[in-house]
N, C-alpha and C. Protein backbone atom coordinates (compact mmCIF):
# COMPACT_ATOMS: atom_id res chain seq x y z
N MET A 1 115.10 201.20 39.65
CA MET A 1 113.70 201.10 39.94
C MET A 1 113.40 201.99 41.18
N SER A 2 112.36 202.78 41.02
CA SER A 2 112.04 203.70 42.09
C SER A 2 111.11 202.94 43.11
N VAL A 3 111.29 203.23 44.31
CA VAL A 3 110.41 202.66 45.37
C VAL A 3 109.67 203.77 46.08
N GLY A 4 109.82 205.02 45.60
CA GLY A 4 109.09 206.14 46.22
C GLY A 4 109.96 207.34 46.29
N GLU A 5 109.53 208.30 47.17
CA GLU A 5 110.25 209.57 47.44
C GLU A 5 110.49 209.64 48.91
N ASP A 6 111.63 210.31 49.30
CA ASP A 6 111.88 210.52 50.67
C ASP A 6 111.20 211.78 51.08
N ARG A 7 111.26 212.25 52.41
CA ARG A 7 110.58 213.37 52.88
C ARG A 7 111.03 214.69 52.23
N ASN A 8 112.16 214.69 51.53
CA ASN A 8 112.68 215.87 50.83
C ASN A 8 112.29 215.87 49.35
N GLY A 9 111.55 214.82 48.89
CA GLY A 9 111.11 214.71 47.51
C GLY A 9 112.12 214.06 46.62
N PHE A 10 113.23 213.48 47.18
CA PHE A 10 114.14 212.77 46.39
C PHE A 10 113.69 211.39 46.07
N VAL A 11 113.96 210.93 44.88
CA VAL A 11 113.49 209.55 44.57
C VAL A 11 114.40 208.53 45.32
N VAL A 12 113.67 207.52 45.81
CA VAL A 12 114.35 206.42 46.56
C VAL A 12 114.34 205.27 45.60
N THR A 13 115.52 204.59 45.39
CA THR A 13 115.60 203.45 44.60
C THR A 13 116.17 202.29 45.40
N VAL A 14 116.26 201.17 44.78
CA VAL A 14 116.83 199.99 45.47
C VAL A 14 118.30 200.34 45.80
N LEU A 15 119.00 200.91 44.80
CA LEU A 15 120.39 201.23 45.07
C LEU A 15 120.54 202.31 46.17
N SER A 16 119.68 203.27 46.22
CA SER A 16 119.84 204.28 47.29
C SER A 16 119.38 203.70 48.61
N THR A 17 118.50 202.73 48.66
CA THR A 17 118.17 202.06 49.89
C THR A 17 119.30 201.35 50.45
N PHE A 18 120.18 200.65 49.61
CA PHE A 18 121.41 200.05 50.07
C PHE A 18 122.30 201.07 50.68
N ALA A 19 122.44 202.21 49.99
CA ALA A 19 123.37 203.26 50.45
C ALA A 19 122.87 203.78 51.76
N ARG A 20 121.63 204.02 51.96
CA ARG A 20 120.99 204.51 53.19
C ARG A 20 121.28 203.58 54.34
N LEU A 21 121.40 202.31 54.00
CA LEU A 21 121.72 201.28 55.03
C LEU A 21 123.21 201.19 55.33
N GLY A 22 123.99 202.05 54.67
CA GLY A 22 125.42 202.00 54.85
C GLY A 22 126.18 200.95 54.10
N LEU A 23 125.48 200.34 53.09
CA LEU A 23 126.07 199.30 52.31
C LEU A 23 126.55 199.88 50.98
N ASP A 24 127.55 199.21 50.40
CA ASP A 24 127.97 199.66 49.09
C ASP A 24 126.97 199.09 48.10
N SER A 25 126.15 200.01 47.61
CA SER A 25 125.00 199.60 46.76
C SER A 25 125.37 198.82 45.56
N TRP A 26 126.51 199.21 44.92
CA TRP A 26 126.90 198.50 43.66
C TRP A 26 127.38 197.11 43.97
N ASN A 27 128.12 196.99 45.04
CA ASN A 27 128.61 195.60 45.42
C ASN A 27 127.46 194.71 45.89
N GLU A 28 126.51 195.21 46.65
CA GLU A 28 125.41 194.43 47.10
C GLU A 28 124.58 193.99 45.90
N THR A 29 124.31 194.90 44.98
CA THR A 29 123.48 194.51 43.78
C THR A 29 124.19 193.48 43.01
N ALA A 30 125.53 193.71 42.76
CA ALA A 30 126.26 192.75 41.97
C ALA A 30 126.30 191.41 42.56
N GLU A 31 126.43 191.34 43.91
CA GLU A 31 126.43 190.03 44.59
C GLU A 31 125.05 189.39 44.45
N LEU A 32 123.99 190.13 44.59
CA LEU A 32 122.64 189.56 44.49
C LEU A 32 122.38 188.99 43.13
N VAL A 33 122.80 189.80 42.17
CA VAL A 33 122.51 189.41 40.78
C VAL A 33 123.37 188.13 40.36
N THR A 34 124.62 188.03 40.79
CA THR A 34 125.44 186.89 40.46
C THR A 34 125.03 185.63 41.21
N GLN A 35 124.30 185.79 42.29
CA GLN A 35 123.76 184.63 43.03
C GLN A 35 122.50 184.06 42.41
N ARG A 36 122.03 184.74 41.41
CA ARG A 36 120.76 184.37 40.76
C ARG A 36 119.61 184.11 41.68
N ARG A 37 119.46 184.98 42.53
CA ARG A 37 118.34 184.96 43.47
C ARG A 37 117.32 186.01 43.04
N SER A 38 116.07 185.82 43.45
CA SER A 38 115.00 186.73 43.13
C SER A 38 114.88 187.77 44.24
N ILE A 39 114.64 189.03 43.76
CA ILE A 39 114.41 190.13 44.67
C ILE A 39 113.00 190.63 44.39
N ALA A 40 112.31 190.83 45.43
CA ALA A 40 110.96 191.43 45.30
C ALA A 40 110.87 192.78 46.07
N ILE A 41 110.19 193.74 45.57
CA ILE A 41 110.01 194.99 46.19
C ILE A 41 108.57 195.27 46.35
N LEU A 42 108.16 195.62 47.51
CA LEU A 42 106.71 195.84 47.87
C LEU A 42 106.63 197.35 48.33
N THR A 43 105.82 198.17 47.70
CA THR A 43 105.53 199.45 48.27
C THR A 43 104.09 199.62 48.44
N TYR A 44 103.74 200.41 49.50
CA TYR A 44 102.33 200.61 49.79
C TYR A 44 102.19 201.94 50.60
N PRO A 45 101.06 202.63 50.53
CA PRO A 45 100.84 203.74 51.31
C PRO A 45 100.31 203.31 52.68
N PHE A 46 100.60 204.09 53.82
CA PHE A 46 100.27 203.75 55.11
C PHE A 46 99.71 204.96 55.84
N SER A 47 98.76 204.82 56.67
CA SER A 47 98.25 205.90 57.48
C SER A 47 97.87 205.32 58.78
N ALA A 48 98.08 206.15 59.85
CA ALA A 48 97.72 205.73 61.23
C ALA A 48 97.13 206.95 61.97
N GLU A 49 96.11 206.63 62.73
CA GLU A 49 95.37 207.67 63.46
C GLU A 49 95.34 207.44 64.92
N LYS A 50 95.48 208.49 65.74
CA LYS A 50 95.39 208.44 67.18
C LYS A 50 94.58 209.70 67.60
N PRO A 51 93.78 209.58 68.65
CA PRO A 51 92.99 210.73 69.12
C PRO A 51 93.92 211.93 69.34
N ASP A 52 93.51 213.08 68.96
CA ASP A 52 94.20 214.32 69.25
C ASP A 52 95.60 214.42 68.65
N VAL A 53 95.95 213.65 67.66
CA VAL A 53 97.24 213.65 66.99
C VAL A 53 97.01 213.71 65.49
N PRO A 54 97.75 214.54 64.74
CA PRO A 54 97.57 214.54 63.31
C PRO A 54 97.75 213.15 62.68
N ILE A 55 97.01 212.82 61.59
CA ILE A 55 97.15 211.61 60.97
C ILE A 55 98.49 211.43 60.38
N TYR A 56 99.15 210.31 60.64
CA TYR A 56 100.43 210.05 60.11
C TYR A 56 100.32 209.29 58.77
N LYS A 57 100.95 209.80 57.69
CA LYS A 57 100.88 209.17 56.43
C LYS A 57 102.31 208.91 55.91
N ALA A 58 102.52 207.78 55.35
CA ALA A 58 103.84 207.39 54.82
C ALA A 58 103.78 206.48 53.64
N LEU A 59 104.80 206.43 52.88
CA LEU A 59 105.04 205.50 51.83
C LEU A 59 106.01 204.45 52.37
N CYS A 60 105.61 203.20 52.38
CA CYS A 60 106.49 202.11 52.89
C CYS A 60 107.11 201.31 51.72
N ALA A 61 108.27 200.94 51.87
CA ALA A 61 108.94 200.10 50.91
C ALA A 61 109.68 198.95 51.61
N LEU A 62 109.45 197.80 51.15
CA LEU A 62 110.10 196.57 51.69
C LEU A 62 110.78 195.85 50.55
N SER A 63 111.94 195.34 50.79
CA SER A 63 112.63 194.56 49.77
C SER A 63 112.98 193.17 50.36
N TYR A 64 112.73 192.15 49.53
CA TYR A 64 112.90 190.75 50.01
C TYR A 64 113.82 190.07 49.04
N LEU A 65 114.63 189.14 49.54
CA LEU A 65 115.46 188.28 48.78
C LEU A 65 114.90 186.82 48.89
N ASN A 66 114.68 186.14 47.83
CA ASN A 66 114.33 184.72 47.80
C ASN A 66 115.61 183.86 47.81
N ASP A 67 115.90 183.29 48.97
CA ASP A 67 117.09 182.48 49.14
C ASP A 67 116.69 181.06 49.47
N ASP A 68 116.84 180.21 48.46
CA ASP A 68 116.41 178.76 48.59
C ASP A 68 115.03 178.69 49.21
N ASN A 69 114.05 179.42 48.61
CA ASN A 69 112.72 179.41 49.00
C ASN A 69 112.42 179.97 50.36
N LYS A 70 113.36 180.69 50.92
CA LYS A 70 113.17 181.47 52.21
C LYS A 70 113.15 182.93 51.74
N ARG A 71 112.09 183.61 52.24
CA ARG A 71 112.05 185.07 51.94
C ARG A 71 112.69 185.85 53.07
N LEU A 72 113.81 186.48 52.75
CA LEU A 72 114.56 187.27 53.66
C LEU A 72 114.31 188.73 53.41
N ARG A 73 114.00 189.50 54.50
CA ARG A 73 113.74 190.92 54.28
C ARG A 73 115.14 191.61 54.29
N ILE A 74 115.37 192.33 53.26
CA ILE A 74 116.60 193.10 53.14
C ILE A 74 116.50 194.50 53.76
N SER A 75 115.36 195.16 53.41
CA SER A 75 115.15 196.46 54.00
C SER A 75 113.72 196.78 54.23
N HIS A 76 113.40 197.68 55.12
CA HIS A 76 112.08 198.18 55.40
C HIS A 76 112.14 199.64 55.70
N GLN A 77 111.49 200.46 54.91
CA GLN A 77 111.59 201.92 55.00
C GLN A 77 110.27 202.59 55.05
N HIS A 78 110.09 203.52 55.92
CA HIS A 78 108.90 204.47 55.97
C HIS A 78 109.35 205.81 55.56
N THR A 79 108.78 206.39 54.62
CA THR A 79 109.00 207.74 54.23
C THR A 79 107.75 208.61 54.45
N ALA A 80 107.82 209.52 55.47
CA ALA A 80 106.68 210.39 55.75
C ALA A 80 106.16 211.19 54.53
N VAL A 81 104.88 211.24 54.38
CA VAL A 81 104.21 211.99 53.35
C VAL A 81 103.59 213.27 54.03
N THR A 82 103.99 214.39 53.50
CA THR A 82 103.46 215.59 54.11
C THR A 82 102.40 216.29 53.27
């Protein structure tokens, strides 16, 4: 599942997000799946403005794990859009 693109135009996926965090993406995914927990991924565009500074635009991606009705954030990533 794609969550967007990084600043070099490469597709960012849930698996690559784990890898970017230094985690073994296959082991992390297998563990989450075998625990029968729900995972939610939220993506959204973001922009911020400051006087005398170019507008910052990014694609944000958050992933959450539902663990016994507690939503735990697994990752949060901003990828600048040029």
